[in-house]
């Protein structure tokens, strides 16, 4: 996610350079992609990569320290992490931790996580059906797609709504995912199957 932001602004910056007219035709197809890749690669490897890696390791260690504690509290945290960035690094930490626990024979962590994964797209999709007046035609169409993505466990189906109104959407889907995960933990829901769909989090089943 960080690399994406850096790449976008770097490409925009390079695009604004004043270059010789003979270079202009190859700027978008060669110069901009090459320079952007080099700059982003350098920053991720030598500047930003280490702090991000440390943060991810810290989050993973925190989750590990809680794995033998209160399962409901752990589920609340995992659910909120899953919905926070919908497929981003925080989401991935929670998912990979739950996946690692399957390997250890503990399926009752992936169960709540799988529930949390489905809630953001399903919640936003159902909202567009229940109160169409509050959503544009494009958002209603995105809602249908979000429901379909939610049914197969693709959290990213909620991203268009979060991008349009992050201050209201992100806290609401984090709350929904956290509560859903907690309910699953109370019911001791387990998930023994590990399924990946493209860049998404997991499947509901």
Protein backbone atom coordinates (compact mmCIF):
# COMPACT_ATOMS: atom_id res chain seq x y z
CA UNK A 1 0.00 0.00 0.00
CA UNK A 2 2.83 2.36 0.93
CA UNK A 3 4.71 1.39 -2.23
CA UNK A 4 1.60 2.15 -4.27
CA UNK A 5 1.33 5.68 -2.89
CA UNK A 6 5.03 6.31 -3.43
CA UNK A 7 4.87 4.97 -6.98
CA UNK A 8 1.86 7.12 -7.85
CA UNK A 9 3.35 10.37 -6.57
CA UNK A 10 6.78 9.57 -8.00
CA UNK A 11 5.30 8.94 -11.46
CA UNK A 12 3.32 12.17 -11.19
CA UNK A 13 6.47 14.06 -10.22
CA UNK A 14 8.51 12.65 -13.10
CA UNK A 15 5.66 13.35 -15.51
CA UNK A 16 5.96 17.03 -14.63
CA UNK A 17 9.60 17.23 -15.70
CA UNK A 18 10.42 19.47 -18.63
CA UNK A 19 12.31 17.27 -21.10
CA UNK A 20 13.53 17.58 -24.65
CA UNK A 21 10.81 17.08 -27.27
CA UNK A 22 12.60 13.99 -28.59
CA UNK A 23 12.22 12.30 -25.20
CA UNK A 24 8.53 13.07 -24.73
CA UNK A 25 7.18 10.10 -26.76
CA UNK A 26 9.11 7.56 -24.67
CA UNK A 27 8.48 9.19 -21.29
CA UNK A 28 5.21 7.33 -20.49
CA UNK A 29 6.25 3.98 -21.92
CA UNK A 30 9.88 3.75 -20.81
CA UNK A 31 11.37 6.58 -18.76
CA UNK A 32 8.60 7.06 -16.18
CA UNK A 33 8.07 3.32 -15.44
CA UNK A 34 11.82 2.68 -15.25
CA UNK A 35 12.67 5.61 -12.98
CA UNK A 36 9.60 5.04 -10.81
CA UNK A 37 10.52 1.37 -10.31
CA UNK A 38 14.11 2.25 -9.42
CA UNK A 39 13.11 4.98 -6.94
CA UNK A 40 10.37 2.92 -5.28
CA UNK A 41 12.61 -0.16 -5.13
CA UNK A 42 15.43 1.81 -3.51
CA UNK A 43 13.12 3.41 -0.92
CA UNK A 44 11.39 0.11 -0.06
CA UNK A 45 14.66 -1.81 0.34
CA UNK A 46 16.88 0.77 2.04
CA UNK A 47 14.52 3.28 3.70
CA UNK A 48 10.93 2.12 4.32
CA UNK A 49 11.17 -1.67 4.15
CA UNK A 50 12.90 -2.18 7.50
CA UNK A 51 10.45 -0.10 9.61
CA UNK A 52 7.46 -1.76 7.93
CA UNK A 53 8.96 -5.20 8.48
CA UNK A 54 9.58 -4.38 12.15
CA UNK A 55 5.98 -3.20 12.54
CA UNK A 56 4.61 -6.35 10.93
CA UNK A 57 6.81 -8.56 13.13
CA UNK A 58 5.68 -6.63 16.20
CA UNK A 59 2.02 -7.13 15.29
CA UNK A 60 2.60 -10.83 14.68
CA UNK A 61 4.39 -11.27 18.01
CA UNK A 62 1.58 -9.43 19.79
CA UNK A 63 -1.00 -11.76 18.28
CA UNK A 64 1.09 -14.80 19.21
CA UNK A 65 1.28 -13.65 22.82
CA UNK A 66 -2.53 -13.46 22.89
CA UNK A 67 -3.22 -16.78 21.20
CA UNK A 68 -3.41 -18.62 24.50
CA UNK A 69 -5.42 -15.87 26.21
CA UNK A 70 -8.98 -14.68 25.82
CA UNK A 71 -10.20 -15.95 22.45
CA UNK A 72 -12.95 -13.32 22.22
CA UNK A 73 -10.53 -10.43 22.77
CA UNK A 74 -8.18 -11.92 20.18
CA UNK A 75 -11.09 -12.29 17.74
CA UNK A 76 -12.11 -8.66 18.26
CA UNK A 77 -8.59 -7.48 17.46
CA UNK A 78 -8.18 -9.82 14.49
CA UNK A 79 -11.56 -8.83 13.07
CA UNK A 80 -10.74 -5.12 13.31
CA UNK A 81 -7.34 -5.72 11.68
CA UNK A 82 -8.93 -7.62 8.79
CA UNK A 83 -11.29 -4.74 7.99
CA UNK A 84 -8.83 -1.91 8.64
CA UNK A 85 -7.11 -1.90 5.25
CA UNK A 86 -9.06 -4.63 3.39
CA UNK A 87 -6.22 -6.68 1.95
CA UNK A 88 -3.38 -4.38 3.00
CA UNK A 89 -0.45 -5.17 5.31
CA UNK A 90 -2.43 -5.07 8.58
CA UNK A 91 -5.04 -7.40 7.05
CA UNK A 92 -2.28 -9.74 5.87
CA UNK A 93 -0.68 -9.96 9.32
CA UNK A 94 -3.96 -11.12 10.83
CA UNK A 95 -4.62 -13.55 8.00
CA UNK A 96 -1.15 -15.07 7.96
CA UNK A 97 -1.18 -15.47 11.74
CA UNK A 98 -4.50 -17.34 11.52
CA UNK A 99 -3.12 -19.44 8.66
CA UNK A 100 -0.05 -20.31 10.72
CA UNK A 101 -2.31 -21.46 13.55
CA UNK A 102 -4.00 -23.93 11.19
CA UNK A 103 -0.59 -25.49 10.70
CA UNK A 104 -0.34 -25.79 14.48
CA UNK A 105 -3.66 -27.61 14.60
CA UNK A 106 -5.65 -24.63 15.90
CA UNK A 107 -8.56 -23.90 13.56
CA UNK A 108 -10.57 -21.69 15.91
CA UNK A 109 -8.56 -18.59 15.00
CA UNK A 110 -9.05 -18.82 11.24
CA UNK A 111 -12.80 -19.36 11.82
CA UNK A 112 -13.39 -15.87 13.27
CA UNK A 113 -10.97 -14.38 10.73
CA UNK A 114 -12.88 -15.97 7.84
CA UNK A 115 -16.10 -14.46 9.20
CA UNK A 116 -14.46 -11.03 9.55
CA UNK A 117 -13.18 -11.20 5.98
CA UNK A 118 -16.67 -11.52 4.52
CA UNK A 119 -18.42 -8.83 6.56
CA UNK A 120 -17.13 -5.58 4.95
CA UNK A 121 -18.19 -6.35 1.35
CA UNK A 122 -21.40 -8.09 2.42
CA UNK A 123 -22.29 -5.27 4.79
CA UNK A 124 -21.72 -2.52 2.24
CA UNK A 125 -23.50 -4.47 -0.48
CA UNK A 126 -26.57 -5.12 1.67
CA UNK A 127 -26.60 -1.45 2.71
CA UNK A 128 -26.93 -0.37 -0.93
CA UNK A 129 -29.94 -2.68 -1.30
CA UNK A 130 -31.65 -1.61 1.91
CA UNK A 131 -31.41 2.14 1.38
CA UNK A 132 -30.86 2.90 -2.28
CA UNK A 133 -31.63 6.60 -1.88
CA UNK A 134 -28.36 7.12 -0.02
CA UNK A 135 -26.26 5.63 -2.79
CA UNK A 136 -25.56 6.68 -6.37
CA UNK A 137 -26.33 4.37 -9.27
CA UNK A 138 -22.63 3.52 -9.56
CA UNK A 139 -22.45 2.70 -5.85
CA UNK A 140 -25.53 0.47 -6.13
CA UNK A 141 -23.86 -1.44 -8.95
CA UNK A 142 -20.68 -1.69 -6.88
CA UNK A 143 -22.82 -3.03 -4.05
CA UNK A 144 -23.94 -5.99 -6.16
CA UNK A 145 -20.32 -6.75 -6.94
CA UNK A 146 -19.40 -6.36 -3.28
CA UNK A 147 -21.98 -8.97 -2.26
CA UNK A 148 -20.62 -11.40 -4.83
CA UNK A 149 -17.06 -10.78 -3.61
CA UNK A 150 -18.12 -11.14 0.01
CA UNK A 151 -19.67 -14.52 -0.67
CA UNK A 152 -16.29 -15.84 -1.81
CA UNK A 153 -14.30 -14.01 0.85
CA UNK A 154 -12.79 -11.07 -1.00
CA UNK A 155 -12.61 -8.20 1.49
CA UNK A 156 -11.54 -5.75 -1.23
CA UNK A 157 -15.16 -5.54 -2.40
CA UNK A 158 -15.66 -2.82 0.22
CA UNK A 159 -12.75 -0.68 -0.99
CA UNK A 160 -14.78 1.56 -3.37
CA UNK A 161 -17.04 2.57 -0.47
CA UNK A 162 -14.12 3.10 1.92
CA UNK A 163 -12.30 5.21 -0.66
CA UNK A 164 -15.38 7.41 -1.18
CA UNK A 165 -16.12 7.95 2.53
CA UNK A 166 -13.28 6.55 4.68
CA UNK A 167 -14.17 8.36 7.93
CA UNK A 168 -17.55 6.68 8.15
CA UNK A 169 -17.04 3.42 6.25
CA UNK A 170 -13.77 2.17 7.75
CA UNK A 171 -14.82 2.50 11.44
CA UNK A 172 -18.18 0.88 10.67
CA UNK A 173 -16.75 -2.12 8.84
CA UNK A 174 -14.04 -2.54 11.49
CA UNK A 175 -16.77 -2.63 14.13
CA UNK A 176 -18.82 -5.11 12.12
CA UNK A 177 -15.89 -7.41 11.45
CA UNK A 178 -14.75 -7.28 15.07
CA UNK A 179 -18.21 -8.15 16.38
CA UNK A 180 -18.68 -10.89 13.79
CA UNK A 181 -15.31 -12.42 14.67
CA UNK A 182 -16.13 -12.27 18.38
CA UNK A 183 -19.46 -14.05 17.84
CA UNK A 184 -17.63 -16.72 15.84
CA UNK A 185 -15.11 -17.10 18.66
CA UNK A 186 -17.90 -17.48 21.22
CA UNK A 187 -19.40 -20.20 19.01
CA UNK A 188 -15.95 -21.81 18.63
CA UNK A 189 -16.20 -21.61 14.83
CA UNK A 190 -13.26 -23.29 13.12
CA UNK A 191 -11.83 -23.18 9.62
CA UNK A 192 -9.46 -25.97 8.62
CA UNK A 193 -9.27 -25.00 4.92
CA UNK A 194 -6.87 -22.35 3.68
CA UNK A 195 -8.00 -20.78 0.41
CA UNK A 196 -6.55 -17.76 -1.36
CA UNK A 197 -8.39 -15.78 -4.01
CA UNK A 198 -5.96 -13.62 -5.96
CA UNK A 199 -4.88 -10.78 -3.61
CA UNK A 200 -7.83 -11.22 -1.30
CA UNK A 201 -7.82 -12.44 2.25
CA UNK A 202 -9.53 -15.80 2.37
CA UNK A 203 -12.70 -17.63 1.58
CA UNK A 204 -15.71 -17.67 3.86
CA UNK A 205 -16.05 -21.43 3.70
